[in-house]
Amino acid sequence: MTEPQQTTRASQVIDLDRYPIDRLDSPKGKALVAFCRASLAFEGACQLPGFVRPAAVERLVAEAVARRDQAYRTDAKHNVYFEAVPETSAPDDPHSMLQHSSKSAIAWDLIGPDSALRIAYEWDALTNFLGQALDMPEFYRYADPLGAASLMIFAEGDELGWHFDRSPFAVTLMLQPATEGGAYEYHHRLRCPDDENRAGVVAALQDEQPGRITLPNEPGTLSLFRGQYSLHRVTPVKGDTTRINAVLAYSTKPDDKMNTLTQELFYGRSA
C-alpha cells in the first residue's frame, strides 16, 4: 500500500484536520508537538480529545465486545512497585501495602486486519508523531505479537490499583468510559530518581495526599502519560457499562518484545 493510500485510510480513523500528525513540519503540526511536550513537562500527561473519529471509536468498541470471550483475564494483588512483598516491614512501608488490579486483555494477534486500531498503530506517521511528542529520538513500534497494541476491558469491580510504571511513558486511547468509576487518577511526580518519597506514597495510598489529578474519560481521546514517577490508578468500575480502552506499546529499541514469562502473565499464552 502506498503512503497516500495509507494516509487516506488513516484519515478515516484519525482526525487529521484537527491533529495533522502527517504534516508535523507545518505550523499547526509544530504547534501540536510543542503542546504535547509542554503538557507532559507541566503535569506529566497530555490528552488529545477527538483524536480518533467517533465512527472509528464505535467500531473499536464493537470489536472489543465481539472478542470479549477471547480476552485473557488477570486478577492479582501487588504493591505500587510491582516488586516482591517483604516478609517483614514497617507499617509505613509502601512495599507492604497491597493493591488490587483486574481486567481482561484482547491481544494484538486477535485484532482484525481492518481494525481501526491496526490501521492507526501500523501507520508510520503516528509512530513518528508520538516519538516527537514524547521527545524521544529513538522510538519504535513494539514487535511483540501479543502486546504490540491491545484492547482492555474493565467490567464491574475491575480496576488498576495504585502503582508506578516501569516504562517511562504510556500511550492509551479511551474508547468507552464506565457509567460510574473507572476514573484515571494520579499524583504528578510523587517520587523522583533520588527520592522515593515513601511518606508521600503512603499518604496517597491512605487518601491523605493533596494534589491528586483526575483525567477526563472522553471517548476518542489519545493520552500520553509519564507514570514512572507519578503514582496512578484506575478506580473500580461500577455498573453494567464496561470501561474499554486501547494500549499502544512502543520501545526505544527496534524489534523489542516481551519474554515468554511476561507474555503468559499478561495474555495467558506465549507466541
C-alpha atoms as a PDB file:
ATOM      1  CA  MET A   1       0.000   0.000   0.000  1.00  0.00           C
ATOM      2  CA  THR A   2       1.427   3.403  -0.961  1.00  0.00           C
ATOM      3  CA  GLU A   3       1.884   6.212   1.542  1.00  0.00           C
ATOM      4  CA  PRO A   4      -1.033   8.274   0.085  1.00  0.00           C
ATOM      5  CA  GLN A   5      -3.280   5.206   0.380  1.00  0.00           C
ATOM      6  CA  GLN A   6      -2.163   4.666   3.992  1.00  0.00           C
ATOM      7  CA  THR A   7      -2.826   8.307   4.788  1.00  0.00           C
ATOM      8  CA  THR A   8      -6.298   8.137   3.242  1.00  0.00           C
ATOM      9  CA  ARG A   9      -7.067   5.004   5.236  1.00  0.00           C
ATOM     10  CA  ALA A  10      -5.694   6.505   8.443  1.00  0.00           C
ATOM     11  CA  SER A  11      -7.701   9.704   7.930  1.00  0.00           C
ATOM     12  CA  GLN A  12     -10.863   7.645   8.335  1.00  0.00           C
ATOM     13  CA  VAL A  13      -9.650   6.722  11.834  1.00  0.00           C
ATOM     14  CA  ILE A  14      -7.716   9.805  12.985  1.00  0.00           C
ATOM     15  CA  ASP A  15      -8.969  13.387  12.667  1.00  0.00           C
ATOM     16  CA  LEU A  16      -6.068  14.740  10.635  1.00  0.00           C
ATOM     17  CA  ASP A  17      -7.693  18.139  10.186  1.00  0.00           C
ATOM     18  CA  ARG A  18      -7.607  18.726  13.927  1.00  0.00           C
ATOM     19  CA  TYR A  19      -4.386  16.798  14.526  1.00  0.00           C
ATOM     20  CA  PRO A  20      -2.129  16.999  11.428  1.00  0.00           C
ATOM     21  CA  ILE A  21       0.290  14.290  12.547  1.00  0.00           C
ATOM     22  CA  ASP A  22       1.174  13.605   8.899  1.00  0.00           C
ATOM     23  CA  ARG A  23       2.290  17.242   8.476  1.00  0.00           C
ATOM     24  CA  LEU A  24       4.449  17.900  11.517  1.00  0.00           C
ATOM     25  CA  ASP A  25       6.594  20.415   9.600  1.00  0.00           C
ATOM     26  CA  SER A  26       3.563  22.665   9.124  1.00  0.00           C
ATOM     27  CA  PRO A  27       2.914  25.487  11.633  1.00  0.00           C
ATOM     28  CA  LYS A  28      -0.054  23.582  13.102  1.00  0.00           C
ATOM     29  CA  GLY A  29       1.960  20.365  13.253  1.00  0.00           C
ATOM     30  CA  LYS A  30       4.812  22.090  15.066  1.00  0.00           C
ATOM     31  CA  ALA A  31       2.350  23.666  17.494  1.00  0.00           C
ATOM     32  CA  LEU A  32       0.834  20.247  18.200  1.00  0.00           C
ATOM     33  CA  VAL A  33       4.197  18.716  19.096  1.00  0.00           C
ATOM     34  CA  ALA A  34       5.067  21.752  21.241  1.00  0.00           C
ATOM     35  CA  PHE A  35       1.727  21.474  23.052  1.00  0.00           C
ATOM     36  CA  CYS A  36       2.272  17.785  23.819  1.00  0.00           C
ATOM     37  CA  ARG A  37       5.779  18.365  25.144  1.00  0.00           C
ATOM     38  CA  ALA A  38       4.640  21.305  27.284  1.00  0.00           C
ATOM     39  CA  SER A  39       1.710  19.339  28.737  1.00  0.00           C
ATOM     40  CA  LEU A  40       3.951  16.403  29.604  1.00  0.00           C
ATOM     41  CA  ALA A  41       6.509  18.708  31.197  1.00  0.00           C
ATOM     42  CA  PHE A  42       3.875  20.620  33.157  1.00  0.00           C
ATOM     43  CA  GLU A  43       1.818  17.779  34.641  1.00  0.00           C
ATOM     44  CA  GLY A  44       3.104  14.527  33.204  1.00  0.00           C
ATOM     45  CA  ALA A  45       0.126  13.912  30.923  1.00  0.00           C
ATOM     46  CA  CYS A  46      -1.145  15.073  27.548  1.00  0.00           C
ATOM     47  CA  GLN A  47      -4.676  14.449  26.328  1.00  0.00           C
ATOM     48  CA  LEU A  48      -5.832  14.903  22.740  1.00  0.00           C
ATOM     49  CA  PRO A  49      -9.657  14.716  22.730  1.00  0.00           C
ATOM     50  CA  GLY A  50     -11.318  13.709  19.465  1.00  0.00           C
ATOM     51  CA  PHE A  51      -8.081  12.238  18.135  1.00  0.00           C
ATOM     52  CA  VAL A  52      -9.948   9.181  16.849  1.00  0.00           C
ATOM     53  CA  ARG A  53     -13.144   9.817  14.931  1.00  0.00           C
ATOM     54  CA  PRO A  54     -16.463   8.801  16.564  1.00  0.00           C
ATOM     55  CA  ALA A  55     -17.285   6.190  13.893  1.00  0.00           C
ATOM     56  CA  ALA A  56     -13.892   4.517  14.428  1.00  0.00           C
ATOM     57  CA  VAL A  57     -14.440   4.563  18.183  1.00  0.00           C
ATOM     58  CA  GLU A  58     -17.781   2.819  17.707  1.00  0.00           C
ATOM     59  CA  ARG A  59     -16.157   0.147  15.559  1.00  0.00           C
ATOM     60  CA  LEU A  60     -13.457  -0.472  18.135  1.00  0.00           C
ATOM     61  CA  VAL A  61     -15.987  -0.789  20.957  1.00  0.00           C
ATOM     62  CA  ALA A  62     -17.942  -3.282  18.857  1.00  0.00           C
ATOM     63  CA  GLU A  63     -14.732  -5.212  18.126  1.00  0.00           C
ATOM     64  CA  ALA A  64     -13.864  -5.388  21.824  1.00  0.00           C
ATOM     65  CA  VAL A  65     -17.343  -6.621  22.712  1.00  0.00           C
ATOM     66  CA  ALA A  66     -17.286  -9.220  19.916  1.00  0.00           C
ATOM     67  CA  ARG A  67     -13.917 -10.598  21.042  1.00  0.00           C
ATOM     68  CA  ARG A  68     -14.547 -10.392  24.764  1.00  0.00           C
ATOM     69  CA  ASP A  69     -14.796 -14.173  25.098  1.00  0.00           C
ATOM     70  CA  GLN A  70     -11.223 -14.417  23.722  1.00  0.00           C
ATOM     71  CA  ALA A  71      -9.808 -11.914  26.205  1.00  0.00           C
ATOM     72  CA  TYR A  72      -7.440 -13.072  28.931  1.00  0.00           C
ATOM     73  CA  ARG A  73      -8.460 -12.041  32.421  1.00  0.00           C
ATOM     74  CA  THR A  74      -5.986 -11.114  35.118  1.00  0.00           C
ATOM     75  CA  ASP A  75      -6.834 -10.556  38.781  1.00  0.00           C
ATOM     76  CA  ALA A  76      -3.972 -10.021  41.186  1.00  0.00           C
ATOM     77  CA  LYS A  77      -2.618  -8.251  44.254  1.00  0.00           C
ATOM     78  CA  HIS A  78       0.591  -6.239  44.057  1.00  0.00           C
ATOM     79  CA  ASN A  79       2.370  -3.305  45.635  1.00  0.00           C
ATOM     80  CA  VAL A  80       2.902   0.038  43.939  1.00  0.00           C
ATOM     81  CA  TYR A  81       6.341  -1.009  42.662  1.00  0.00           C
ATOM     82  CA  PHE A  82       5.334  -4.418  41.255  1.00  0.00           C
ATOM     83  CA  GLU A  83       8.063  -5.873  43.429  1.00  0.00           C
ATOM     84  CA  ALA A  84       8.152  -8.772  45.879  1.00  0.00           C
ATOM     85  CA  VAL A  85       6.357  -8.037  49.131  1.00  0.00           C
ATOM     86  CA  PRO A  86       8.792  -8.254  52.048  1.00  0.00           C
ATOM     87  CA  GLU A  87       8.091 -10.837  54.731  1.00  0.00           C
ATOM     88  CA  THR A  88       8.556  -8.226  57.423  1.00  0.00           C
ATOM     89  CA  SER A  89       8.214  -4.485  57.005  1.00  0.00           C
ATOM     90  CA  ALA A  90       7.309  -1.371  58.922  1.00  0.00           C
ATOM     91  CA  PRO A  91       3.643  -0.229  58.926  1.00  0.00           C
ATOM     92  CA  ASP A  92       4.624   2.861  56.933  1.00  0.00           C
ATOM     93  CA  ASP A  93       6.450   0.888  54.203  1.00  0.00           C
ATOM     94  CA  PRO A  94       4.515   1.145  50.893  1.00  0.00           C
ATOM     95  CA  HIS A  95       6.127  -2.120  49.775  1.00  0.00           C
ATOM     96  CA  SER A  96       3.730  -3.975  52.057  1.00  0.00           C
ATOM     97  CA  MET A  97       0.552  -2.037  51.175  1.00  0.00           C
ATOM     98  CA  LEU A  98      -1.143  -4.300  48.642  1.00  0.00           C
ATOM     99  CA  GLN A  99      -3.242  -3.029  45.750  1.00  0.00           C
ATOM    100  CA  HIS A 100      -5.757  -4.854  43.549  1.00  0.00           C
ATOM    101  CA  SER A 101      -5.780  -4.907  39.745  1.00  0.00           C
ATOM    102  CA  SER A 102      -8.097  -6.816  37.399  1.00  0.00           C
ATOM    103  CA  LYS A 103      -9.020  -6.529  33.744  1.00  0.00           C
ATOM    104  CA  SER A 104      -9.419  -8.512  30.514  1.00  0.00           C
ATOM    105  CA  ALA A 105      -6.989  -8.068  27.624  1.00  0.00           C
ATOM    106  CA  ILE A 106      -7.535  -8.752  23.920  1.00  0.00           C
ATOM    107  CA  ALA A 107      -4.102  -9.454  22.440  1.00  0.00           C
ATOM    108  CA  TRP A 108      -2.668  -7.935  19.263  1.00  0.00           C
ATOM    109  CA  ASP A 109      -2.906 -11.155  17.244  1.00  0.00           C
ATOM    110  CA  LEU A 110      -6.687 -11.103  17.777  1.00  0.00           C
ATOM    111  CA  ILE A 111      -7.088  -7.593  16.362  1.00  0.00           C
ATOM    112  CA  GLY A 112      -8.670  -7.778  12.896  1.00  0.00           C
ATOM    113  CA  PRO A 113      -6.752  -6.775   9.726  1.00  0.00           C
ATOM    114  CA  ASP A 114      -9.201  -3.929   9.047  1.00  0.00           C
ATOM    115  CA  SER A 115      -9.465  -2.837  12.679  1.00  0.00           C
ATOM    116  CA  ALA A 116      -9.157   0.892  13.293  1.00  0.00           C
ATOM    117  CA  LEU A 117      -6.585   0.054  15.955  1.00  0.00           C
ATOM    118  CA  ARG A 118      -4.404  -1.848  13.482  1.00  0.00           C
ATOM    119  CA  ILE A 119      -4.745   0.884  10.825  1.00  0.00           C
ATOM    120  CA  ALA A 120      -3.626   3.562  13.285  1.00  0.00           C
ATOM    121  CA  TYR A 121      -0.920   1.588  15.072  1.00  0.00           C
ATOM    122  CA  GLU A 122       0.804   0.363  11.905  1.00  0.00           C
ATOM    123  CA  TRP A 123       0.896   3.835  10.332  1.00  0.00           C
ATOM    124  CA  ASP A 124       4.418   5.272  10.427  1.00  0.00           C
ATOM    125  CA  ALA A 125       3.117   8.828  10.776  1.00  0.00           C
ATOM    126  CA  LEU A 126       1.540   8.008  14.147  1.00  0.00           C
ATOM    127  CA  THR A 127       4.753   6.412  15.399  1.00  0.00           C
ATOM    128  CA  ASN A 128       6.771   9.410  14.236  1.00  0.00           C
ATOM    129  CA  PHE A 129       4.366  11.853  15.875  1.00  0.00           C
ATOM    130  CA  LEU A 130       4.385  10.029  19.219  1.00  0.00           C
ATOM    131  CA  GLY A 131       8.170   9.871  19.233  1.00  0.00           C
ATOM    132  CA  GLN A 132       8.369  13.609  18.643  1.00  0.00           C
ATOM    133  CA  ALA A 133       5.621  14.413  21.155  1.00  0.00           C
ATOM    134  CA  LEU A 134       7.435  12.367  23.800  1.00  0.00           C
ATOM    135  CA  ASP A 135      10.749  13.926  22.710  1.00  0.00           C
ATOM    136  CA  MET A 136      12.326  10.524  22.091  1.00  0.00           C
ATOM    137  CA  PRO A 137      14.630  10.399  19.024  1.00  0.00           C
ATOM    138  CA  GLU A 138      14.681   6.586  19.088  1.00  0.00           C
ATOM    139  CA  PHE A 139      11.087   5.374  19.029  1.00  0.00           C
ATOM    140  CA  TYR A 140       9.719   2.156  17.533  1.00  0.00           C
ATOM    141  CA  ARG A 141       6.531   0.138  17.435  1.00  0.00           C
ATOM    142  CA  TYR A 142       6.616  -2.852  19.739  1.00  0.00           C
ATOM    143  CA  ALA A 143       7.431  -6.078  17.881  1.00  0.00           C
ATOM    144  CA  ASP A 144       5.542  -8.299  20.297  1.00  0.00           C
ATOM    145  CA  PRO A 145       2.913 -10.482  18.561  1.00  0.00           C
ATOM    146  CA  LEU A 146       0.636 -10.306  21.611  1.00  0.00           C
ATOM    147  CA  GLY A 147       1.376  -7.000  23.281  1.00  0.00           C
ATOM    148  CA  ALA A 148       2.042  -4.540  20.440  1.00  0.00           C
ATOM    149  CA  ALA A 149      -1.408  -2.994  20.894  1.00  0.00           C
ATOM    150  CA  SER A 150      -4.252  -4.385  22.966  1.00  0.00           C
ATOM    151  CA  LEU A 151      -7.863  -3.733  23.830  1.00  0.00           C
ATOM    152  CA  MET A 152      -8.547  -3.635  27.567  1.00  0.00           C
ATOM    153  CA  ILE A 153     -11.942  -4.331  29.111  1.00  0.00           C
ATOM    154  CA  PHE A 154     -12.822  -3.368  32.687  1.00  0.00           C
ATOM    155  CA  ALA A 155     -16.077  -4.899  33.955  1.00  0.00           C
ATOM    156  CA  GLU A 156     -17.816  -4.097  37.232  1.00  0.00           C
ATOM    157  CA  GLY A 157     -15.321  -4.303  40.073  1.00  0.00           C
ATOM    158  CA  ASP A 158     -12.287  -4.185  37.790  1.00  0.00           C
ATOM    159  CA  GLU A 159      -9.610  -1.595  38.467  1.00  0.00           C
ATOM    160  CA  LEU A 160      -5.918  -0.812  38.303  1.00  0.00           C
ATOM    161  CA  GLY A 161      -4.539  -0.352  41.784  1.00  0.00           C
ATOM    162  CA  TRP A 162      -2.135   2.438  42.645  1.00  0.00           C
ATOM    163  CA  HIS A 163       1.250   1.863  41.010  1.00  0.00           C
ATOM    164  CA  PHE A 164       4.293   3.335  39.307  1.00  0.00           C
ATOM    165  CA  ASP A 165       5.060   2.270  35.738  1.00  0.00           C
ATOM    166  CA  ARG A 166       8.307   0.545  34.865  1.00  0.00           C
ATOM    167  CA  SER A 167       8.244   2.214  31.444  1.00  0.00           C
ATOM    168  CA  PRO A 168       8.956   5.970  31.184  1.00  0.00           C
ATOM    169  CA  PHE A 169       5.834   6.541  29.070  1.00  0.00           C
ATOM    170  CA  ALA A 170       2.423   5.083  28.213  1.00  0.00           C
ATOM    171  CA  VAL A 171       0.142   5.662  25.211  1.00  0.00           C
ATOM    172  CA  THR A 172      -3.557   4.871  25.563  1.00  0.00           C
ATOM    173  CA  LEU A 173      -6.785   5.531  23.717  1.00  0.00           C
ATOM    174  CA  MET A 174     -10.081   5.879  25.579  1.00  0.00           C
ATOM    175  CA  LEU A 175     -12.952   4.164  23.766  1.00  0.00           C
ATOM    176  CA  GLN A 176     -15.779   3.739  26.277  1.00  0.00           C
ATOM    177  CA  PRO A 177     -15.917   5.075  29.830  1.00  0.00           C
ATOM    178  CA  ALA A 178     -17.796   3.274  32.562  1.00  0.00           C
ATOM    179  CA  THR A 179     -21.137   4.604  33.778  1.00  0.00           C
ATOM    180  CA  GLU A 180     -19.542   5.147  37.163  1.00  0.00           C
ATOM    181  CA  GLY A 181     -15.989   4.684  38.365  1.00  0.00           C
ATOM    182  CA  GLY A 182     -13.109   3.813  36.067  1.00  0.00           C
ATOM    183  CA  ALA A 183     -11.509   7.220  36.637  1.00  0.00           C
ATOM    184  CA  TYR A 184      -7.834   7.742  35.836  1.00  0.00           C
ATOM    185  CA  GLU A 185      -6.222   9.416  38.841  1.00  0.00           C
ATOM    186  CA  TYR A 186      -2.604  10.275  39.535  1.00  0.00           C
ATOM    187  CA  HIS A 187      -0.162  12.229  41.685  1.00  0.00           C
ATOM    188  CA  HIS A 188       2.308  14.015  39.430  1.00  0.00           C
ATOM    189  CA  ARG A 189       5.979  13.228  40.216  1.00  0.00           C
ATOM    190  CA  LEU A 190       5.275  11.868  43.669  1.00  0.00           C
ATOM    191  CA  ARG A 191       8.793  10.424  43.632  1.00  0.00           C
ATOM    192  CA  CYS A 192      11.997  11.206  41.744  1.00  0.00           C
ATOM    193  CA  PRO A 193      15.161   9.269  40.911  1.00  0.00           C
ATOM    194  CA  ASP A 194      16.947  10.336  44.091  1.00  0.00           C
ATOM    195  CA  ASP A 195      13.954  10.372  46.460  1.00  0.00           C
ATOM    196  CA  GLU A 196      11.341   7.614  46.733  1.00  0.00           C
ATOM    197  CA  ASN A 197       9.220   9.873  48.989  1.00  0.00           C
ATOM    198  CA  ARG A 198       7.799   6.950  50.947  1.00  0.00           C
ATOM    199  CA  ALA A 199       5.858   9.263  53.243  1.00  0.00           C
ATOM    200  CA  GLY A 200       4.114  10.853  50.275  1.00  0.00           C
ATOM    201  CA  VAL A 201       3.346   7.470  48.718  1.00  0.00           C
ATOM    202  CA  VAL A 202       1.819   6.199  51.968  1.00  0.00           C
ATOM    203  CA  ALA A 203      -0.238   9.377  52.297  1.00  0.00           C
ATOM    204  CA  ALA A 204      -1.553   8.908  48.742  1.00  0.00           C
ATOM    205  CA  LEU A 205      -2.491   5.291  49.463  1.00  0.00           C
ATOM    206  CA  GLN A 206      -4.380   6.497  52.524  1.00  0.00           C
ATOM    207  CA  ASP A 207      -6.152   9.262  50.534  1.00  0.00           C
ATOM    208  CA  GLU A 208      -4.343  11.914  52.553  1.00  0.00           C
ATOM    209  CA  GLN A 209      -2.018  13.304  49.876  1.00  0.00           C
ATOM    210  CA  PRO A 210      -3.158  16.589  48.259  1.00  0.00           C
ATOM    211  CA  GLY A 211      -2.837  17.347  44.570  1.00  0.00           C
ATOM    212  CA  ARG A 212      -4.476  14.273  43.074  1.00  0.00           C
ATOM    213  CA  ILE A 213      -5.352  14.822  39.398  1.00  0.00           C
ATOM    214  CA  THR A 214      -8.250  13.153  37.562  1.00  0.00           C
ATOM    215  CA  LEU A 215      -8.118  12.963  33.774  1.00  0.00           C
ATOM    216  CA  PRO A 216     -11.283  13.195  31.638  1.00  0.00           C
ATOM    217  CA  ASN A 217     -12.588   9.966  30.110  1.00  0.00           C
ATOM    218  CA  GLU A 218     -13.928  11.254  26.787  1.00  0.00           C
ATOM    219  CA  PRO A 219     -14.175   8.588  24.045  1.00  0.00           C
ATOM    220  CA  GLY A 220     -11.692   9.084  21.216  1.00  0.00           C
ATOM    221  CA  THR A 221      -9.068  10.757  23.417  1.00  0.00           C
ATOM    222  CA  LEU A 222      -5.429   9.820  22.887  1.00  0.00           C
ATOM    223  CA  SER A 223      -3.430  10.083  26.117  1.00  0.00           C
ATOM    224  CA  LEU A 224       0.307  10.293  26.639  1.00  0.00           C
ATOM    225  CA  PHE A 225       1.417   9.719  30.217  1.00  0.00           C
ATOM    226  CA  ARG A 226       4.667   9.574  32.125  1.00  0.00           C
ATOM    227  CA  GLY A 227       3.985   7.206  35.009  1.00  0.00           C
ATOM    228  CA  GLN A 228       7.436   6.132  36.117  1.00  0.00           C
ATOM    229  CA  TYR A 229       7.489   8.737  38.882  1.00  0.00           C
ATOM    230  CA  SER A 230       3.768   9.588  39.065  1.00  0.00           C
ATOM    231  CA  LEU A 231       1.646   7.275  41.208  1.00  0.00           C
ATOM    232  CA  HIS A 232      -1.569   6.441  39.329  1.00  0.00           C
ATOM    233  CA  ARG A 233      -4.596   4.169  39.235  1.00  0.00           C
ATOM    234  CA  VAL A 234      -7.939   3.420  37.571  1.00  0.00           C
ATOM    235  CA  THR A 235     -10.709   3.444  40.174  1.00  0.00           C
ATOM    236  CA  PRO A 236     -13.097   0.456  40.437  1.00  0.00           C
ATOM    237  CA  VAL A 237     -15.713   0.275  37.693  1.00  0.00           C
ATOM    238  CA  LYS A 238     -19.344   0.333  38.782  1.00  0.00           C
ATOM    239  CA  GLY A 239     -22.429  -0.534  36.769  1.00  0.00           C
ATOM    240  CA  ASP A 240     -23.082  -2.607  33.663  1.00  0.00           C
ATOM    241  CA  THR A 241     -21.209  -0.413  31.157  1.00  0.00           C
ATOM    242  CA  THR A 242     -17.677  -1.719  30.734  1.00  0.00           C
ATOM    243  CA  ARG A 243     -14.699   0.596  30.527  1.00  0.00           C
ATOM    244  CA  ILE A 244     -12.820  -0.066  27.268  1.00  0.00           C
ATOM    245  CA  ASN A 245      -9.530   1.423  26.179  1.00  0.00           C
ATOM    246  CA  ALA A 246      -6.635   0.551  23.908  1.00  0.00           C
ATOM    247  CA  VAL A 247      -3.000   0.393  24.969  1.00  0.00           C
ATOM    248  CA  LEU A 248      -0.400   1.116  22.266  1.00  0.00           C
ATOM    249  CA  ALA A 249       3.083  -0.171  23.104  1.00  0.00           C
ATOM    250  CA  TYR A 250       6.361   1.298  21.867  1.00  0.00           C
ATOM    251  CA  SER A 251      10.036   0.996  22.683  1.00  0.00           C
ATOM    252  CA  THR A 252      13.255   2.921  22.344  1.00  0.00           C
ATOM    253  CA  LYS A 253      14.809  -0.246  20.854  1.00  0.00           C
ATOM    254  CA  PRO A 254      13.913  -1.773  17.470  1.00  0.00           C
ATOM    255  CA  ASP A 255      12.342  -5.249  17.428  1.00  0.00           C
ATOM    256  CA  ASP A 256      11.689  -5.132  21.171  1.00  0.00           C
ATOM    257  CA  LYS A 257       9.246  -7.639  22.655  1.00  0.00           C
ATOM    258  CA  MET A 258       8.182  -9.352  25.867  1.00  0.00           C
ATOM    259  CA  ASN A 259       9.820 -12.504  27.107  1.00  0.00           C
ATOM    260  CA  THR A 260       7.750 -15.694  27.277  1.00  0.00           C
ATOM    261  CA  LEU A 261       7.084 -15.357  31.006  1.00  0.00           C
ATOM    262  CA  THR A 262       5.709 -11.825  30.637  1.00  0.00           C
ATOM    263  CA  GLN A 263       3.531 -12.819  27.677  1.00  0.00           C
ATOM    264  CA  GLU A 264       1.991 -15.617  29.713  1.00  0.00           C
ATOM    265  CA  LEU A 265       1.477 -13.282  32.673  1.00  0.00           C
ATOM    266  CA  PHE A 266      -0.467 -10.688  30.668  1.00  0.00           C
ATOM    267  CA  TYR A 267      -2.086 -12.813  27.956  1.00  0.00           C
ATOM    268  CA  GLY A 268      -2.143 -16.367  29.293  1.00  0.00           C
ATOM    269  CA  ARG A 269      -0.038 -17.716  26.457  1.00  0.00           C
ATOM    270  CA  SER A 270       3.159 -17.123  24.506  1.00  0.00           C
ATOM    271  CA  ALA A 271       3.806 -16.507  20.830  1.00  0.00           C
END
